[in-house]
PDB file of N, CA and C in Angstrom:
ATOM      1  N   MET A   1      33.553  15.508  52.536  1.00  0.00           N
ATOM      2  CA  MET A   1      35.352  15.479  52.740  1.00  0.00           C
ATOM      3  C   MET A   1      36.188  15.987  54.421  1.00  0.00           C
ATOM      4  N   ASN A   2      35.186  17.359  55.100  1.00  0.00           N
ATOM      5  CA  ASN A   2      35.404  17.813  56.193  1.00  0.00           C
ATOM      6  C   ASN A   2      35.504  16.292  57.362  1.00  0.00           C
ATOM      7  N   LYS A   3      34.750  15.729  56.887  1.00  0.00           N
ATOM      8  CA  LYS A   3      34.673  14.167  58.117  1.00  0.00           C
ATOM      9  C   LYS A   3      36.176  13.612  57.989  1.00  0.00           C
ATOM     10  N   ILE A   4      36.978  13.415  56.396  1.00  0.00           N
ATOM     11  CA  ILE A   4      37.621  12.716  56.388  1.00  0.00           C
ATOM     12  C   ILE A   4      39.354  13.884  57.000  1.00  0.00           C
ATOM     13  N   ILE A   5      39.168  15.022  56.460  1.00  0.00           N
ATOM     14  CA  ILE A   5      40.141  15.594  57.075  1.00  0.00           C
ATOM     15  C   ILE A   5      40.596  16.016  58.744  1.00  0.00           C
ATOM     16  N   ASN A   6      38.861  15.772  58.991  1.00  0.00           N
ATOM     17  CA  ASN A   6      38.432  15.976  60.472  1.00  0.00           C
ATOM     18  C   ASN A   6      38.844  14.311  61.081  1.00  0.00           C
ATOM     19  N   HIS A   7      39.292  13.324  60.391  1.00  0.00           N
ATOM     20  CA  HIS A   7      39.655  11.948  60.913  1.00  0.00           C
ATOM     21  C   HIS A   7      40.910  12.191  61.152  1.00  0.00           C
ATOM     22  N   PHE A   8      41.607  12.319  60.231  1.00  0.00           N
ATOM     23  CA  PHE A   8      42.950  12.644  60.261  1.00  0.00           C
ATOM     24  C   PHE A   8      43.522  13.223  60.763  1.00  0.00           C
ATOM     25  N   THR A   9      43.141  15.171  61.192  1.00  0.00           N
ATOM     26  CA  THR A   9      43.536  15.569  62.317  1.00  0.00           C
ATOM     27  C   THR A   9      43.395  15.117  63.411  1.00  0.00           C
ATOM     28  N   ASN A  10      42.172  14.119  63.191  1.00  0.00           N
ATOM     29  CA  ASN A  10      41.564  13.531  65.219  1.00  0.00           C
ATOM     30  C   ASN A  10      42.590  12.364  65.078  1.00  0.00           C
ATOM     31  N   GLU A  11      43.551  12.054  64.286  1.00  0.00           N
ATOM     32  CA  GLU A  11      44.638  11.097  64.401  1.00  0.00           C
ATOM     33  C   GLU A  11      46.132  11.693  64.287  1.00  0.00           C
ATOM     34  N   ASN A  12      45.931  12.803  64.674  1.00  0.00           N
ATOM     35  CA  ASN A  12      47.539  13.730  64.658  1.00  0.00           C
ATOM     36  C   ASN A  12      47.869  13.845  63.047  1.00  0.00           C
ATOM     37  N   ILE A  13      47.233  13.258  62.308  1.00  0.00           N
ATOM     38  CA  ILE A  13      48.263  13.695  60.665  1.00  0.00           C
ATOM     39  C   ILE A  13      47.811  14.568  60.271  1.00  0.00           C
ATOM     40  N   ILE A  14      48.746  15.165  59.586  1.00  0.00           N
ATOM     41  CA  ILE A  14      48.787  16.442  59.122  1.00  0.00           C
ATOM     42  C   ILE A  14      48.470  16.595  57.180  1.00  0.00           C
ATOM     43  N   LEU A  15      47.667  16.806  56.825  1.00  0.00           N
ATOM     44  CA  LEU A  15      47.656  16.550  55.273  1.00  0.00           C
ATOM     45  C   LEU A  15      48.362  17.389  54.592  1.00  0.00           C
ATOM     46  N   THR A  16      48.861  17.077  53.479  1.00  0.00           N
ATOM     47  CA  THR A  16      49.604  18.027  52.464  1.00  0.00           C
ATOM     48  C   THR A  16      49.284  18.771  51.722  1.00  0.00           C
ATOM     49  N   ASP A  17      49.039  19.847  51.259  1.00  0.00           N
ATOM     50  CA  ASP A  17      47.731  20.210  50.317  1.00  0.00           C
ATOM     51  C   ASP A  17      47.709  19.694  48.692  1.00  0.00           C
ATOM     52  N   ASP A  18      48.509  18.875  48.507  1.00  0.00           N
ATOM     53  CA  ASP A  18      48.240  18.008  47.379  1.00  0.00           C
ATOM     54  C   ASP A  18      47.614  17.059  47.959  1.00  0.00           C
ATOM     55  N   ALA A  19      47.721  16.204  49.081  1.00  0.00           N
ATOM     56  CA  ALA A  19      46.847  15.644  49.976  1.00  0.00           C
ATOM     57  C   ALA A  19      45.546  15.441  49.153  1.00  0.00           C
ATOM     58  N   VAL A  20      45.241  17.343  50.405  1.00  0.00           N
ATOM     59  CA  VAL A  20      44.107  17.341  50.164  1.00  0.00           C
ATOM     60  C   VAL A  20      43.119  17.901  49.417  1.00  0.00           C
ATOM     61  N   LYS A  21      43.963  17.820  47.950  1.00  0.00           N
ATOM     62  CA  LYS A  21      43.345  18.275  46.704  1.00  0.00           C
ATOM     63  C   LYS A  21      42.794  16.984  46.115  1.00  0.00           C
ATOM     64  N   TYR A  22      43.561  16.355  46.397  1.00  0.00           N
ATOM     65  CA  TYR A  22      43.458  14.474  45.850  1.00  0.00           C
ATOM     66  C   TYR A  22      42.336  14.628  47.008  1.00  0.00           C
ATOM     67  N   LEU A  23      42.046  14.501  47.815  1.00  0.00           N
ATOM     68  CA  LEU A  23      40.787  13.494  48.199  1.00  0.00           C
ATOM     69  C   LEU A  23      39.791  14.646  47.668  1.00  0.00           C
ATOM     70  N   LYS A  24      39.626  15.598  47.859  1.00  0.00           N
ATOM     71  CA  LYS A  24      38.368  16.472  47.454  1.00  0.00           C
ATOM     72  C   LYS A  24      37.959  16.273  46.024  1.00  0.00           C
ATOM     73  N   SER A  25      38.925  15.977  45.148  1.00  0.00           N
ATOM     74  CA  SER A  25      38.670  15.753  43.305  1.00  0.00           C
ATOM     75  C   SER A  25      38.095  14.519  43.095  1.00  0.00           C
ATOM     76  N   ASN A  26      38.767  13.578  44.325  1.00  0.00           N
ATOM     77  CA  ASN A  26      38.559  12.129  43.798  1.00  0.00           C
ATOM     78  C   ASN A  26      37.096  11.624  44.943  1.00  0.00           C
ATOM     79  N   ASP A  27      36.558  12.462  45.498  1.00  0.00           N
ATOM     80  CA  ASP A  27      35.564  11.790  46.668  1.00  0.00           C
ATOM     81  C   ASP A  27      36.110  10.842  47.844  1.00  0.00           C
ATOM     82  N   TYR A  28      37.043  10.164  48.202  1.00  0.00           N
ATOM     83  CA  TYR A  28      37.901   9.909  49.036  1.00  0.00           C
ATOM     84  C   TYR A  28      37.361   9.281  50.036  1.00  0.00           C
ATOM     85  N   PRO A  29      36.953   7.847  49.733  1.00  0.00           N
ATOM     86  CA  PRO A  29      35.938   7.885  50.898  1.00  0.00           C
ATOM     87  C   PRO A  29      36.514   7.211  52.688  1.00  0.00           C
ATOM     88  N   LEU A  30      35.925   7.735  53.768  1.00  0.00           N
ATOM     89  CA  LEU A  30      36.040   7.490  54.857  1.00  0.00           C
ATOM     90  C   LEU A  30      36.796   6.358  55.489  1.00  0.00           C
ATOM     91  N   GLU A  31      36.537   5.537  54.931  1.00  0.00           N
ATOM     92  CA  GLU A  31      36.777   4.318  55.192  1.00  0.00           C
ATOM     93  C   GLU A  31      38.025   3.985  54.478  1.00  0.00           C
ATOM     94  N   CYS A  32      38.849   4.217  53.348  1.00  0.00           N
ATOM     95  CA  CYS A  32      39.688   3.886  53.134  1.00  0.00           C
ATOM     96  C   CYS A  32      40.465   5.314  54.241  1.00  0.00           C
ATOM     97  N   SER A  33      40.276   6.301  54.153  1.00  0.00           N
ATOM     98  CA  SER A  33      40.978   6.757  55.691  1.00  0.00           C
ATOM     99  C   SER A  33      41.189   5.950  56.978  1.00  0.00           C
ATOM    100  N   LYS A  34      40.301   5.688  57.205  1.00  0.00           N
ATOM    101  CA  LYS A  34      40.550   5.049  58.463  1.00  0.00           C
ATOM    102  C   LYS A  34      41.576   3.322  57.775  1.00  0.00           C
ATOM    103  N   LEU A  35      41.452   2.845  56.831  1.00  0.00           N
ATOM    104  CA  LEU A  35      41.921   2.010  56.602  1.00  0.00           C
ATOM    105  C   LEU A  35      43.772   2.319  56.678  1.00  0.00           C
ATOM    106  N   ILE A  36      44.078   3.555  55.604  1.00  0.00           N
ATOM    107  CA  ILE A  36      44.795   4.435  56.509  1.00  0.00           C
ATOM    108  C   ILE A  36      45.455   4.032  57.750  1.00  0.00           C
ATOM    109  N   THR A  37      45.024   5.203  58.452  1.00  0.00           N
ATOM    110  CA  THR A  37      45.610   5.478  60.047  1.00  0.00           C
ATOM    111  C   THR A  37      45.653   4.212  60.512  1.00  0.00           C
ATOM    112  N   ASP A  38      44.866   3.319  60.260  1.00  0.00           N
ATOM    113  CA  ASP A  38      45.107   1.911  61.392  1.00  0.00           C
ATOM    114  C   ASP A  38      46.049   1.011  60.976  1.00  0.00           C
ATOM    115  N   TYR A  39      46.591   0.782  59.288  1.00  0.00           N
ATOM    116  CA  TYR A  39      48.294   0.803  58.843  1.00  0.00           C
ATOM    117  C   TYR A  39      49.506   1.491  59.705  1.00  0.00           C
ATOM    118  N   ILE A  40      48.886   3.089  59.889  1.00  0.00           N
ATOM    119  CA  ILE A  40      49.884   3.684  60.296  1.00  0.00           C
ATOM    120  C   ILE A  40      50.638   2.932  61.954  1.00  0.00           C
ATOM    121  N   LYS A  41      49.574   3.223  62.723  1.00  0.00           N
ATOM    122  CA  LYS A  41      49.400   2.588  63.895  1.00  0.00           C
ATOM    123  C   LYS A  41      49.449   1.123  64.000  1.00  0.00           C
ATOM    124  N   ARG A  42      49.612   0.042  63.269  1.00  0.00           N
ATOM    125  CA  ARG A  42      49.421  -1.110  63.404  1.00  0.00           C
ATOM    126  C   ARG A  42      51.011  -0.903  62.813  1.00  0.00           C
ATOM    127  N   ASN A  43      51.802  -0.463  62.496  1.00  0.00           N
ATOM    128  CA  ASN A  43      52.891  -0.859  61.733  1.00  0.00           C
ATOM    129  C   ASN A  43      53.600   0.356  62.952  1.00  0.00           C
ATOM    130  N   ASN A  44      53.263   0.351  63.552  1.00  0.00           N
ATOM    131  CA  ASN A  44      53.679   1.403  64.418  1.00  0.00           C
ATOM    132  C   ASN A  44      54.863   2.963  63.194  1.00  0.00           C
ATOM    133  N   LEU A  45      53.588   3.648  62.707  1.00  0.00           N
ATOM    134  CA  LEU A  45      54.530   3.824  61.639  1.00  0.00           C
ATOM    135  C   LEU A  45      55.107   5.521  62.267  1.00  0.00           C
ATOM    136  N   ASN A  46      56.268   6.008  62.045  1.00  0.00           N
ATOM    137  CA  ASN A  46      56.021   8.072  62.494  1.00  0.00           C
ATOM    138  C   ASN A  46      55.545   8.687  61.784  1.00  0.00           C
ATOM    139  N   ILE A  47      54.193   8.458  61.019  1.00  0.00           N
ATOM    140  CA  ILE A  47      53.813   9.448  60.011  1.00  0.00           C
ATOM    141  C   ILE A  47      53.345  10.535  60.726  1.00  0.00           C
ATOM    142  N   SER A  48      53.516  11.899  60.771  1.00  0.00           N
ATOM    143  CA  SER A  48      52.870  13.014  60.774  1.00  0.00           C
ATOM    144  C   SER A  48      52.228  14.083  59.978  1.00  0.00           C
ATOM    145  N   VAL A  49      52.511  13.494  58.811  1.00  0.00           N
ATOM    146  CA  VAL A  49      52.648  14.632  58.149  1.00  0.00           C
ATOM    147  C   VAL A  49      52.043  12.921  56.652  1.00  0.00           C
ATOM    148  N   LEU A  50      50.298  13.984  55.812  1.00  0.00           N
ATOM    149  CA  LEU A  50      50.245  12.466  55.107  1.00  0.00           C
ATOM    150  C   LEU A  50      50.610  12.747  53.549  1.00  0.00           C
ATOM    151  N   SER A  51      51.600  12.802  52.582  1.00  0.00           N
ATOM    152  CA  SER A  51      51.308  13.479  51.536  1.00  0.00           C
ATOM    153  C   SER A  51      50.212  12.794  50.329  1.00  0.00           C
ATOM    154  N   LEU A  52      50.273  13.213  49.179  1.00  0.00           N
ATOM    155  CA  LEU A  52      49.253  12.377  47.847  1.00  0.00           C
ATOM    156  C   LEU A  52      50.517  11.643  47.821  1.00  0.00           C
ATOM    157  N   GLU A  53      51.955  11.350  47.826  1.00  0.00           N
ATOM    158  CA  GLU A  53      52.910  10.394  47.336  1.00  0.00           C
ATOM    159  C   GLU A  53      52.508   9.232  48.268  1.00  0.00           C
ATOM    160  N   LEU A  54      52.426   9.682  49.937  1.00  0.00           N
ATOM    161  CA  LEU A  54      51.918   8.257  51.079  1.00  0.00           C
ATOM    162  C   LEU A  54      50.822   8.007  50.271  1.00  0.00           C
ATOM    163  N   ILE A  55      49.729   8.392  50.094  1.00  0.00           N
ATOM    164  CA  ILE A  55      48.730   8.180  49.873  1.00  0.00           C
ATOM    165  C   ILE A  55      48.479   7.042  48.748  1.00  0.00           C
ATOM    166  N   ASN A  56      49.309   7.946  47.308  1.00  0.00           N
ATOM    167  CA  ASN A  56      49.338   6.314  46.587  1.00  0.00           C
ATOM    168  C   ASN A  56      50.057   5.093  47.069  1.00  0.00           C
ATOM    169  N   LYS A  57      51.280   5.368  47.813  1.00  0.00           N
ATOM    170  CA  LYS A  57      51.896   4.573  48.089  1.00  0.00           C
ATOM    171  C   LYS A  57      50.903   3.099  48.713  1.00  0.00           C
ATOM    172  N   PHE A  58      50.113   3.602  49.996  1.00  0.00           N
ATOM    173  CA  PHE A  58      49.079   3.297  50.195  1.00  0.00           C
ATOM    174  C   PHE A  58      47.900   2.371  49.637  1.00  0.00           C
ATOM    175  N   GLN A  59      47.155   3.343  48.624  1.00  0.00           N
ATOM    176  CA  GLN A  59      46.686   2.481  47.165  1.00  0.00           C
ATOM    177  C   GLN A  59      47.248   1.665  46.424  1.00  0.00           C
ATOM    178  N   SER A  60      48.662   1.492  46.496  1.00  0.00           N
ATOM    179  CA  SER A  60      49.169   0.419  45.506  1.00  0.00           C
ATOM    180  C   SER A  60      49.454  -0.382  46.303  1.00  0.00           C
ATOM    181  N   GLY A  61      49.802  -0.286  47.535  1.00  0.00           N
ATOM    182  CA  GLY A  61      49.900  -1.595  48.459  1.00  0.00           C
ATOM    183  C   GLY A  61      51.507  -1.890  48.945  1.00  0.00           C
ATOM    184  N   GLU A  62      52.218  -1.103  48.449  1.00  0.00           N
ATOM    185  CA  GLU A  62      53.953  -0.757  49.279  1.00  0.00           C
ATOM    186  C   GLU A  62      53.951  -0.474  50.623  1.00  0.00           C
TER     187      GLU A  62
END
């Protein structure tokens, strides 16, 4: 879990409390975290805070 939080921290992305709870409770894979940050970079999205709502949007492909 700490690897995932560190990954986002290293990318200068802050996780909201609800996002952290979700990632902890669902044993979220690090690879998915990398896919999210790659998508953010590739599309030049100005995202500095990642909430559970955004994680759900990424997972659903929105």
